[in-house]
Amino acid sequence: MKKKIIYIISDATGETAERVIRAALSQFYDEDVRVQRLCQIRNEPDVHQAMSVAVREPGMVVYTLVDPHLSQTVERIAEEHGLLVVDLLTSLIYNLSRYLGAPSKEKPGLLYRIDPEYHKRVAAVDFTVKHDDGQETRNLHKADLVLVGVSRSSKTPLSMYLAHKGYKVANVPLVKGIDPPEELFQIDQNKIVGLIIDPKRLVEIRASRLITMRQSPRGKYADYHLVEDEIGYCRQLYRRHPEWMVIDVTHKSVEEASSEIMRRMDLLAQK
């Protein structure tokens, strides 16, 4: 079966629209779909060029254009060629305008404009990448947050998600039989978040990872009893450091766990 395509036509990066689409796609199983962004659409020629791509290889068109004239052009071309088209923004902006009692600015790219907050996020991502998986522990004191946990307990995905929110995050792996770096205990202990996960779920994750890497899932890395020992070691360490926040990530998405962490950070900032 030919792969289905969803085109995103955006006057900015299209990143937000893609997140919405992928969130919706997660509700469907075994659907082979390609999401293609056609971005920085700012005038009529841009619209025609973008839509020509969708016409050549037909697919669903989802657009986020604040200029109503460009939106109308997309709708017209889609109708002429029988393409399914969805407007993600207009209805929301219209109803927000009614609710707020104010007109919209109709300026593209405001969400990702280059401002101090943008530079803060870039710096946070750069820091987080450089301090992933126990790297550069001498700089832990510069981090806004330090995540600790066993291998495959979502340290890196959580770190990157929080970095895109503007937090400088370091993460440190915990390995039974190997002492954590001394620097971990020399920083503000309220900045440390311990991750915990159900051993059975962790075995599943590790076994899947090994299979993906074309390795046997029967080794020590995914052995249930050894994994249980690792989790037990973490729990003991966390009990010795009550200042640390502890989050069970077993049944939490990255977004849910991050929200808990950010609430903690907000509370600390208010003290």
C-alpha atoms as a PDB file:
ATOM      1  CA  MET A   1       0.000   0.000   0.000  1.00  0.00           C
ATOM      2  CA  LYS A   2       1.285   3.447  -0.927  1.00  0.00           C
ATOM      3  CA  LYS A   3       2.388   5.547   2.032  1.00  0.00           C
ATOM      4  CA  LYS A   4      -0.090   8.307   2.871  1.00  0.00           C
ATOM      5  CA  ILE A   5       1.153  11.878   3.144  1.00  0.00           C
ATOM      6  CA  ILE A   6       0.126  14.773   5.346  1.00  0.00           C
ATOM      7  CA  TYR A   7       1.475  18.135   4.169  1.00  0.00           C
ATOM      8  CA  ILE A   8       1.924  20.960   6.649  1.00  0.00           C
ATOM      9  CA  ILE A   9       1.764  24.432   5.111  1.00  0.00           C
ATOM     10  CA  SER A  10       2.952  26.995   7.633  1.00  0.00           C
ATOM     11  CA  ASP A  11       4.062  30.620   7.665  1.00  0.00           C
ATOM     12  CA  ALA A  12       6.609  29.707  10.357  1.00  0.00           C
ATOM     13  CA  THR A  13       8.438  26.460  11.161  1.00  0.00           C
ATOM     14  CA  GLY A  14       5.439  24.130  11.161  1.00  0.00           C
ATOM     15  CA  GLU A  15       6.785  22.498  14.322  1.00  0.00           C
ATOM     16  CA  THR A  16       3.669  23.101  16.406  1.00  0.00           C
ATOM     17  CA  ALA A  17       1.390  21.778  13.672  1.00  0.00           C
ATOM     18  CA  GLU A  18       3.513  18.649  13.341  1.00  0.00           C
ATOM     19  CA  ARG A  19       3.277  17.995  17.074  1.00  0.00           C
ATOM     20  CA  VAL A  20      -0.512  18.287  16.927  1.00  0.00           C
ATOM     21  CA  ILE A  21      -0.689  15.957  13.925  1.00  0.00           C
ATOM     22  CA  ARG A  22       1.592  13.351  15.468  1.00  0.00           C
ATOM     23  CA  ALA A  23      -0.421  13.477  18.699  1.00  0.00           C
ATOM     24  CA  ALA A  24      -3.543  12.756  16.636  1.00  0.00           C
ATOM     25  CA  LEU A  25      -1.793  10.027  14.618  1.00  0.00           C
ATOM     26  CA  SER A  26      -0.872   8.242  17.852  1.00  0.00           C
ATOM     27  CA  GLN A  27      -4.557   7.283  18.119  1.00  0.00           C
ATOM     28  CA  PHE A  28      -4.254   5.116  14.988  1.00  0.00           C
ATOM     29  CA  TYR A  29      -2.484   1.797  14.670  1.00  0.00           C
ATOM     30  CA  ASP A  30      -0.369   0.442  11.831  1.00  0.00           C
ATOM     31  CA  GLU A  31      -0.924   3.441   9.597  1.00  0.00           C
ATOM     32  CA  ASP A  32       2.039   4.263   7.370  1.00  0.00           C
ATOM     33  CA  VAL A  33       1.983   8.067   7.162  1.00  0.00           C
ATOM     34  CA  ARG A  34       4.636  10.580   6.104  1.00  0.00           C
ATOM     35  CA  VAL A  35       4.407  14.109   7.511  1.00  0.00           C
ATOM     36  CA  GLN A  36       6.069  16.712   5.282  1.00  0.00           C
ATOM     37  CA  ARG A  37       6.513  20.348   6.268  1.00  0.00           C
ATOM     38  CA  LEU A  38       6.307  23.156   3.675  1.00  0.00           C
ATOM     39  CA  CYS A  39       7.343  26.128   5.762  1.00  0.00           C
ATOM     40  CA  GLN A  40       7.969  29.894   5.702  1.00  0.00           C
ATOM     41  CA  ILE A  41       4.990  30.459   3.388  1.00  0.00           C
ATOM     42  CA  ARG A  42       4.640  34.253   3.380  1.00  0.00           C
ATOM     43  CA  ASN A  43       3.055  35.236   0.014  1.00  0.00           C
ATOM     44  CA  GLU A  44       0.932  33.981  -2.900  1.00  0.00           C
ATOM     45  CA  PRO A  45       3.836  32.550  -4.945  1.00  0.00           C
ATOM     46  CA  ASP A  46       4.947  30.598  -1.854  1.00  0.00           C
ATOM     47  CA  VAL A  47       1.434  29.148  -1.497  1.00  0.00           C
ATOM     48  CA  HIS A  48       1.286  28.100  -5.149  1.00  0.00           C
ATOM     49  CA  GLN A  49       4.721  26.467  -4.948  1.00  0.00           C
ATOM     50  CA  ALA A  50       3.828  24.588  -1.764  1.00  0.00           C
ATOM     51  CA  MET A  51       0.469  23.440  -3.063  1.00  0.00           C
ATOM     52  CA  SER A  52       2.064  22.248  -6.308  1.00  0.00           C
ATOM     53  CA  VAL A  53       3.946  19.686  -4.204  1.00  0.00           C
ATOM     54  CA  ALA A  54       0.675  18.403  -2.746  1.00  0.00           C
ATOM     55  CA  VAL A  55      -0.940  18.345  -6.171  1.00  0.00           C
ATOM     56  CA  ARG A  56       1.904  16.328  -7.739  1.00  0.00           C
ATOM     57  CA  GLU A  57       1.760  13.695  -4.996  1.00  0.00           C
ATOM     58  CA  PRO A  58      -1.712  14.056  -3.454  1.00  0.00           C
ATOM     59  CA  GLY A  59      -2.158  13.944   0.282  1.00  0.00           C
ATOM     60  CA  MET A  60      -3.978  15.635   3.127  1.00  0.00           C
ATOM     61  CA  VAL A  61      -3.118  19.331   3.579  1.00  0.00           C
ATOM     62  CA  VAL A  62      -3.012  20.864   7.064  1.00  0.00           C
ATOM     63  CA  TYR A  63      -2.203  24.542   7.223  1.00  0.00           C
ATOM     64  CA  THR A  64      -1.406  27.181   9.841  1.00  0.00           C
ATOM     65  CA  LEU A  65      -1.509  30.547   8.094  1.00  0.00           C
ATOM     66  CA  VAL A  66      -2.494  33.734   9.928  1.00  0.00           C
ATOM     67  CA  ASP A  67      -2.973  35.728   6.725  1.00  0.00           C
ATOM     68  CA  PRO A  68      -6.601  35.063   5.662  1.00  0.00           C
ATOM     69  CA  HIS A  69      -5.821  35.772   1.995  1.00  0.00           C
ATOM     70  CA  LEU A  70      -3.186  33.017   1.926  1.00  0.00           C
ATOM     71  CA  SER A  71      -5.597  30.674   3.714  1.00  0.00           C
ATOM     72  CA  GLN A  72      -8.220  31.320   1.044  1.00  0.00           C
ATOM     73  CA  THR A  73      -5.694  30.532  -1.689  1.00  0.00           C
ATOM     74  CA  VAL A  74      -4.862  27.196  -0.052  1.00  0.00           C
ATOM     75  CA  GLU A  75      -8.554  26.345   0.246  1.00  0.00           C
ATOM     76  CA  ARG A  76      -9.221  27.289  -3.395  1.00  0.00           C
ATOM     77  CA  ILE A  77      -6.354  25.224  -4.812  1.00  0.00           C
ATOM     78  CA  ALA A  78      -7.252  22.270  -2.594  1.00  0.00           C
ATOM     79  CA  GLU A  79     -10.862  22.392  -3.802  1.00  0.00           C
ATOM     80  CA  GLU A  80      -9.775  22.596  -7.459  1.00  0.00           C
ATOM     81  CA  HIS A  81      -7.692  19.433  -7.115  1.00  0.00           C
ATOM     82  CA  GLY A  82      -9.930  17.503  -4.707  1.00  0.00           C
ATOM     83  CA  LEU A  83      -7.491  17.581  -1.802  1.00  0.00           C
ATOM     84  CA  LEU A  84      -8.613  17.167   1.800  1.00  0.00           C
ATOM     85  CA  VAL A  85      -7.617  20.339   3.664  1.00  0.00           C
ATOM     86  CA  VAL A  86      -7.691  21.253   7.379  1.00  0.00           C
ATOM     87  CA  ASP A  87      -7.209  24.727   8.883  1.00  0.00           C
ATOM     88  CA  LEU A  88      -5.675  24.399  12.354  1.00  0.00           C
ATOM     89  CA  LEU A  89      -5.600  28.093  13.303  1.00  0.00           C
ATOM     90  CA  THR A  90      -8.438  30.196  11.950  1.00  0.00           C
ATOM     91  CA  SER A  91     -11.271  28.868  14.118  1.00  0.00           C
ATOM     92  CA  LEU A  92      -9.136  29.070  17.258  1.00  0.00           C
ATOM     93  CA  ILE A  93      -7.927  32.615  16.513  1.00  0.00           C
ATOM     94  CA  TYR A  94     -11.476  33.744  15.709  1.00  0.00           C
ATOM     95  CA  ASN A  95     -12.881  32.379  18.955  1.00  0.00           C
ATOM     96  CA  LEU A  96      -9.955  33.737  20.980  1.00  0.00           C
ATOM     97  CA  SER A  97     -10.604  37.151  19.450  1.00  0.00           C
ATOM     98  CA  ARG A  98     -14.261  36.938  20.485  1.00  0.00           C
ATOM     99  CA  TYR A  99     -13.392  35.776  23.994  1.00  0.00           C
ATOM    100  CA  LEU A 100     -10.598  38.314  24.556  1.00  0.00           C
ATOM    101  CA  GLY A 101     -12.442  41.155  22.855  1.00  0.00           C
ATOM    102  CA  ALA A 102      -9.367  42.045  20.816  1.00  0.00           C
ATOM    103  CA  PRO A 103      -8.252  41.529  17.196  1.00  0.00           C
ATOM    104  CA  SER A 104      -5.350  39.197  16.377  1.00  0.00           C
ATOM    105  CA  LYS A 105      -2.054  40.639  15.134  1.00  0.00           C
ATOM    106  CA  GLU A 106      -2.077  38.448  11.986  1.00  0.00           C
ATOM    107  CA  LYS A 107       1.715  38.314  12.080  1.00  0.00           C
ATOM    108  CA  PRO A 108       3.373  34.997  11.182  1.00  0.00           C
ATOM    109  CA  GLY A 109       6.153  33.437  13.226  1.00  0.00           C
ATOM    110  CA  LEU A 110       5.393  35.137  16.545  1.00  0.00           C
ATOM    111  CA  LEU A 111       5.590  31.861  18.461  1.00  0.00           C
ATOM    112  CA  TYR A 112       9.216  31.277  17.444  1.00  0.00           C
ATOM    113  CA  ARG A 113      10.463  34.834  17.167  1.00  0.00           C
ATOM    114  CA  ILE A 114      14.106  35.477  18.018  1.00  0.00           C
ATOM    115  CA  ASP A 115      14.038  37.010  21.489  1.00  0.00           C
ATOM    116  CA  PRO A 116      15.836  36.477  24.823  1.00  0.00           C
ATOM    117  CA  GLU A 117      13.630  33.456  25.565  1.00  0.00           C
ATOM    118  CA  TYR A 118      14.653  31.865  22.262  1.00  0.00           C
ATOM    119  CA  HIS A 119      18.343  32.319  23.051  1.00  0.00           C
ATOM    120  CA  LYS A 120      17.725  30.902  26.529  1.00  0.00           C
ATOM    121  CA  ARG A 121      16.226  27.741  25.032  1.00  0.00           C
ATOM    122  CA  VAL A 122      19.114  27.370  22.576  1.00  0.00           C
ATOM    123  CA  ALA A 123      21.647  27.709  25.408  1.00  0.00           C
ATOM    124  CA  ALA A 124      19.700  25.202  27.503  1.00  0.00           C
ATOM    125  CA  VAL A 125      19.642  22.615  24.706  1.00  0.00           C
ATOM    126  CA  ASP A 126      23.368  23.091  24.068  1.00  0.00           C
ATOM    127  CA  PHE A 127      24.154  22.614  27.776  1.00  0.00           C
ATOM    128  CA  THR A 128      21.900  19.558  28.042  1.00  0.00           C
ATOM    129  CA  VAL A 129      23.436  17.817  25.036  1.00  0.00           C
ATOM    130  CA  LYS A 130      26.929  18.351  26.457  1.00  0.00           C
ATOM    131  CA  HIS A 131      25.918  17.015  29.879  1.00  0.00           C
ATOM    132  CA  ASP A 132      23.997  13.923  28.824  1.00  0.00           C
ATOM    133  CA  ASP A 133      24.670  10.507  30.386  1.00  0.00           C
ATOM    134  CA  GLY A 134      27.180  11.630  33.008  1.00  0.00           C
ATOM    135  CA  GLN A 135      29.343  13.826  30.782  1.00  0.00           C
ATOM    136  CA  GLU A 136      31.172  16.850  32.226  1.00  0.00           C
ATOM    137  CA  THR A 137      30.113  16.216  35.836  1.00  0.00           C
ATOM    138  CA  ARG A 138      32.407  19.029  36.948  1.00  0.00           C
ATOM    139  CA  ASN A 139      29.742  21.401  35.611  1.00  0.00           C
ATOM    140  CA  LEU A 140      26.794  19.963  37.536  1.00  0.00           C
ATOM    141  CA  HIS A 141      26.646  23.127  39.637  1.00  0.00           C
ATOM    142  CA  LYS A 142      25.746  25.074  36.495  1.00  0.00           C
ATOM    143  CA  ALA A 143      22.662  22.938  35.819  1.00  0.00           C
ATOM    144  CA  ASP A 144      19.134  24.015  36.704  1.00  0.00           C
ATOM    145  CA  LEU A 145      18.244  20.363  37.130  1.00  0.00           C
ATOM    146  CA  VAL A 146      20.088  17.071  37.458  1.00  0.00           C
ATOM    147  CA  LEU A 147      18.248  13.847  36.637  1.00  0.00           C
ATOM    148  CA  VAL A 148      19.539  10.547  38.019  1.00  0.00           C
ATOM    149  CA  GLY A 149      18.395   6.996  37.341  1.00  0.00           C
ATOM    150  CA  VAL A 150      19.326   3.644  35.878  1.00  0.00           C
ATOM    151  CA  SER A 151      19.898   3.047  32.192  1.00  0.00           C
ATOM    152  CA  ARG A 152      16.750   3.416  30.009  1.00  0.00           C
ATOM    153  CA  SER A 153      14.700   5.193  32.693  1.00  0.00           C
ATOM    154  CA  SER A 154      13.940   8.159  30.367  1.00  0.00           C
ATOM    155  CA  LYS A 155      16.753  10.427  31.569  1.00  0.00           C
ATOM    156  CA  THR A 156      17.724  11.689  28.111  1.00  0.00           C
ATOM    157  CA  PRO A 157      14.194  12.194  26.679  1.00  0.00           C
ATOM    158  CA  LEU A 158      13.177  14.065  29.828  1.00  0.00           C
ATOM    159  CA  SER A 159      16.344  16.143  29.761  1.00  0.00           C
ATOM    160  CA  MET A 160      15.815  17.212  26.161  1.00  0.00           C
ATOM    161  CA  TYR A 161      12.142  18.011  26.679  1.00  0.00           C
ATOM    162  CA  LEU A 162      12.972  20.193  29.687  1.00  0.00           C
ATOM    163  CA  ALA A 163      15.821  21.828  27.764  1.00  0.00           C
ATOM    164  CA  HIS A 164      13.355  22.958  25.112  1.00  0.00           C
ATOM    165  CA  LYS A 165      11.434  24.588  27.950  1.00  0.00           C
ATOM    166  CA  GLY A 166      14.553  26.580  28.853  1.00  0.00           C
ATOM    167  CA  TYR A 167      16.069  24.449  31.643  1.00  0.00           C
ATOM    168  CA  LYS A 168      19.743  23.528  31.636  1.00  0.00           C
ATOM    169  CA  VAL A 169      19.631  19.837  32.502  1.00  0.00           C
ATOM    170  CA  ALA A 170      22.360  17.331  33.255  1.00  0.00           C
ATOM    171  CA  ASN A 171      21.688  13.649  33.771  1.00  0.00           C
ATOM    172  CA  VAL A 172      23.773  11.092  35.607  1.00  0.00           C
ATOM    173  CA  PRO A 173      23.377   7.305  35.262  1.00  0.00           C
ATOM    174  CA  LEU A 174      23.173   5.248  38.450  1.00  0.00           C
ATOM    175  CA  VAL A 175      24.970   1.904  38.316  1.00  0.00           C
ATOM    176  CA  LYS A 176      24.937  -0.541  41.209  1.00  0.00           C
ATOM    177  CA  GLY A 177      28.484  -1.121  42.442  1.00  0.00           C
ATOM    178  CA  ILE A 178      29.764   2.203  41.113  1.00  0.00           C
ATOM    179  CA  ASP A 179      29.585   5.280  43.317  1.00  0.00           C
ATOM    180  CA  PRO A 180      27.896   8.322  41.786  1.00  0.00           C
ATOM    181  CA  PRO A 181      30.277  11.220  41.054  1.00  0.00           C
ATOM    182  CA  GLU A 182      31.195  13.315  44.088  1.00  0.00           C
ATOM    183  CA  GLU A 183      30.021  16.457  42.315  1.00  0.00           C
ATOM    184  CA  LEU A 184      26.447  15.167  42.601  1.00  0.00           C
ATOM    185  CA  PHE A 185      26.530  15.602  46.363  1.00  0.00           C
ATOM    186  CA  GLN A 186      28.250  18.995  46.267  1.00  0.00           C
ATOM    187  CA  ILE A 187      25.480  20.880  44.471  1.00  0.00           C
ATOM    188  CA  ASP A 188      22.100  22.127  45.721  1.00  0.00           C
ATOM    189  CA  GLN A 189      20.354  18.839  46.512  1.00  0.00           C
ATOM    190  CA  ASN A 190      16.921  20.309  45.763  1.00  0.00           C
ATOM    191  CA  LYS A 191      17.886  20.431  42.081  1.00  0.00           C
ATOM    192  CA  ILE A 192      18.223  16.639  41.851  1.00  0.00           C
ATOM    193  CA  VAL A 193      15.409  14.453  40.536  1.00  0.00           C
ATOM    194  CA  GLY A 194      15.565  10.693  40.978  1.00  0.00           C
ATOM    195  CA  LEU A 195      13.750   8.578  38.389  1.00  0.00           C
ATOM    196  CA  ILE A 196      12.251   5.232  39.318  1.00  0.00           C
ATOM    197  CA  ILE A 197      10.585   2.636  37.080  1.00  0.00           C
ATOM    198  CA  ASP A 198       8.910  -0.735  37.537  1.00  0.00           C
ATOM    199  CA  PRO A 199      11.470  -3.541  36.981  1.00  0.00           C
ATOM    200  CA  LYS A 200       9.176  -5.499  34.633  1.00  0.00           C
ATOM    201  CA  ARG A 201       8.628  -2.454  32.446  1.00  0.00           C
ATOM    202  CA  LEU A 202      12.354  -1.698  32.429  1.00  0.00           C
ATOM    203  CA  VAL A 203      13.152  -5.248  31.334  1.00  0.00           C
ATOM    204  CA  GLU A 204      10.720  -4.834  28.426  1.00  0.00           C
ATOM    205  CA  ILE A 205      12.330  -1.541  27.393  1.00  0.00           C
ATOM    206  CA  ARG A 206      15.865  -2.905  27.610  1.00  0.00           C
ATOM    207  CA  ALA A 207      15.001  -6.116  25.762  1.00  0.00           C
ATOM    208  CA  SER A 208      13.389  -4.086  22.984  1.00  0.00           C
ATOM    209  CA  ARG A 209      16.475  -1.885  22.817  1.00  0.00           C
ATOM    210  CA  LEU A 210      18.764  -4.904  22.520  1.00  0.00           C
ATOM    211  CA  ILE A 211      16.627  -6.404  19.754  1.00  0.00           C
ATOM    212  CA  THR A 212      16.731  -3.092  17.878  1.00  0.00           C
ATOM    213  CA  MET A 213      20.523  -3.197  18.140  1.00  0.00           C
ATOM    214  CA  ARG A 214      20.449  -6.826  16.906  1.00  0.00           C
ATOM    215  CA  GLN A 215      21.762  -8.156  20.183  1.00  0.00           C
ATOM    216  CA  SER A 216      20.446 -10.982  22.340  1.00  0.00           C
ATOM    217  CA  PRO A 217      17.871  -9.831  24.933  1.00  0.00           C
ATOM    218  CA  ARG A 218      18.899 -12.673  27.240  1.00  0.00           C
ATOM    219  CA  GLY A 219      21.994 -11.025  28.715  1.00  0.00           C
ATOM    220  CA  LYS A 220      22.508  -9.359  32.092  1.00  0.00           C
ATOM    221  CA  TYR A 221      21.290  -5.977  30.840  1.00  0.00           C
ATOM    222  CA  ALA A 222      17.690  -7.247  30.597  1.00  0.00           C
ATOM    223  CA  ASP A 223      17.818  -9.911  33.323  1.00  0.00           C
ATOM    224  CA  TYR A 224      14.847  -9.361  35.646  1.00  0.00           C
ATOM    225  CA  HIS A 225      16.614 -10.199  38.916  1.00  0.00           C
ATOM    226  CA  LEU A 226      19.579  -7.957  38.121  1.00  0.00           C
ATOM    227  CA  VAL A 227      17.271  -5.160  37.026  1.00  0.00           C
ATOM    228  CA  GLU A 228      15.323  -5.552  40.281  1.00  0.00           C
ATOM    229  CA  ASP A 229      18.605  -5.194  42.192  1.00  0.00           C
ATOM    230  CA  GLU A 230      19.398  -1.991  40.257  1.00  0.00           C
ATOM    231  CA  ILE A 231      16.016  -0.484  41.112  1.00  0.00           C
ATOM    232  CA  GLY A 232      16.438  -1.513  44.747  1.00  0.00           C
ATOM    233  CA  TYR A 233      19.812   0.237  44.825  1.00  0.00           C
ATOM    234  CA  CYS A 234      18.195   3.421  43.468  1.00  0.00           C
ATOM    235  CA  ARG A 235      15.442   3.338  46.073  1.00  0.00           C
ATOM    236  CA  GLN A 236      17.999   3.015  48.867  1.00  0.00           C
ATOM    237  CA  LEU A 237      19.987   5.950  47.486  1.00  0.00           C
ATOM    238  CA  TYR A 238      16.871   8.105  47.167  1.00  0.00           C
ATOM    239  CA  ARG A 239      15.861   7.338  50.770  1.00  0.00           C
ATOM    240  CA  ARG A 240      19.268   8.559  51.948  1.00  0.00           C
ATOM    241  CA  HIS A 241      18.648  11.883  50.172  1.00  0.00           C
ATOM    242  CA  PRO A 242      15.137  13.071  51.088  1.00  0.00           C
ATOM    243  CA  GLU A 243      15.803  16.464  49.464  1.00  0.00           C
ATOM    244  CA  TRP A 244      15.698  14.808  46.054  1.00  0.00           C
ATOM    245  CA  MET A 245      12.433  14.736  44.177  1.00  0.00           C
ATOM    246  CA  VAL A 246      11.517  11.184  43.114  1.00  0.00           C
ATOM    247  CA  ILE A 247       9.292  10.464  40.106  1.00  0.00           C
ATOM    248  CA  ASP A 248       7.960   7.075  39.044  1.00  0.00           C
ATOM    249  CA  VAL A 249       8.072   7.188  35.239  1.00  0.00           C
ATOM    250  CA  THR A 250       6.589   3.719  34.689  1.00  0.00           C
ATOM    251  CA  HIS A 251       3.228   4.895  33.359  1.00  0.00           C
ATOM    252  CA  LYS A 252       4.037   8.547  32.655  1.00  0.00           C
ATOM    253  CA  SER A 253       4.688  10.195  29.333  1.00  0.00           C
ATOM    254  CA  VAL A 254       7.654  12.532  28.988  1.00  0.00           C
ATOM    255  CA  GLU A 255       5.222  15.466  29.058  1.00  0.00           C
ATOM    256  CA  GLU A 256       3.567  14.304  32.302  1.00  0.00           C
ATOM    257  CA  ALA A 257       6.846  13.691  34.115  1.00  0.00           C
ATOM    258  CA  SER A 258       8.236  17.011  32.885  1.00  0.00           C
ATOM    259  CA  SER A 259       5.163  18.854  34.155  1.00  0.00           C
ATOM    260  CA  GLU A 260       5.727  17.431  37.639  1.00  0.00           C
ATOM    261  CA  ILE A 261       9.359  18.493  37.563  1.00  0.00           C
ATOM    262  CA  MET A 262       8.537  21.997  36.329  1.00  0.00           C
ATOM    263  CA  ARG A 263       5.942  22.428  39.083  1.00  0.00           C
ATOM    264  CA  ARG A 264       8.646  21.530  41.589  1.00  0.00           C
ATOM    265  CA  MET A 265      10.985  24.090  40.042  1.00  0.00           C
ATOM    266  CA  ASP A 266       8.297  26.770  40.217  1.00  0.00           C
ATOM    267  CA  LEU A 267       7.743  26.051  43.904  1.00  0.00           C
ATOM    268  CA  LEU A 268      11.482  26.249  44.621  1.00  0.00           C
ATOM    269  CA  ALA A 269      11.704  29.540  42.742  1.00  0.00           C
ATOM    270  CA  GLN A 270       8.955  31.011  44.906  1.00  0.00           C
ATOM    271  CA  LYS A 271      10.793  30.241  48.151  1.00  0.00           C
END
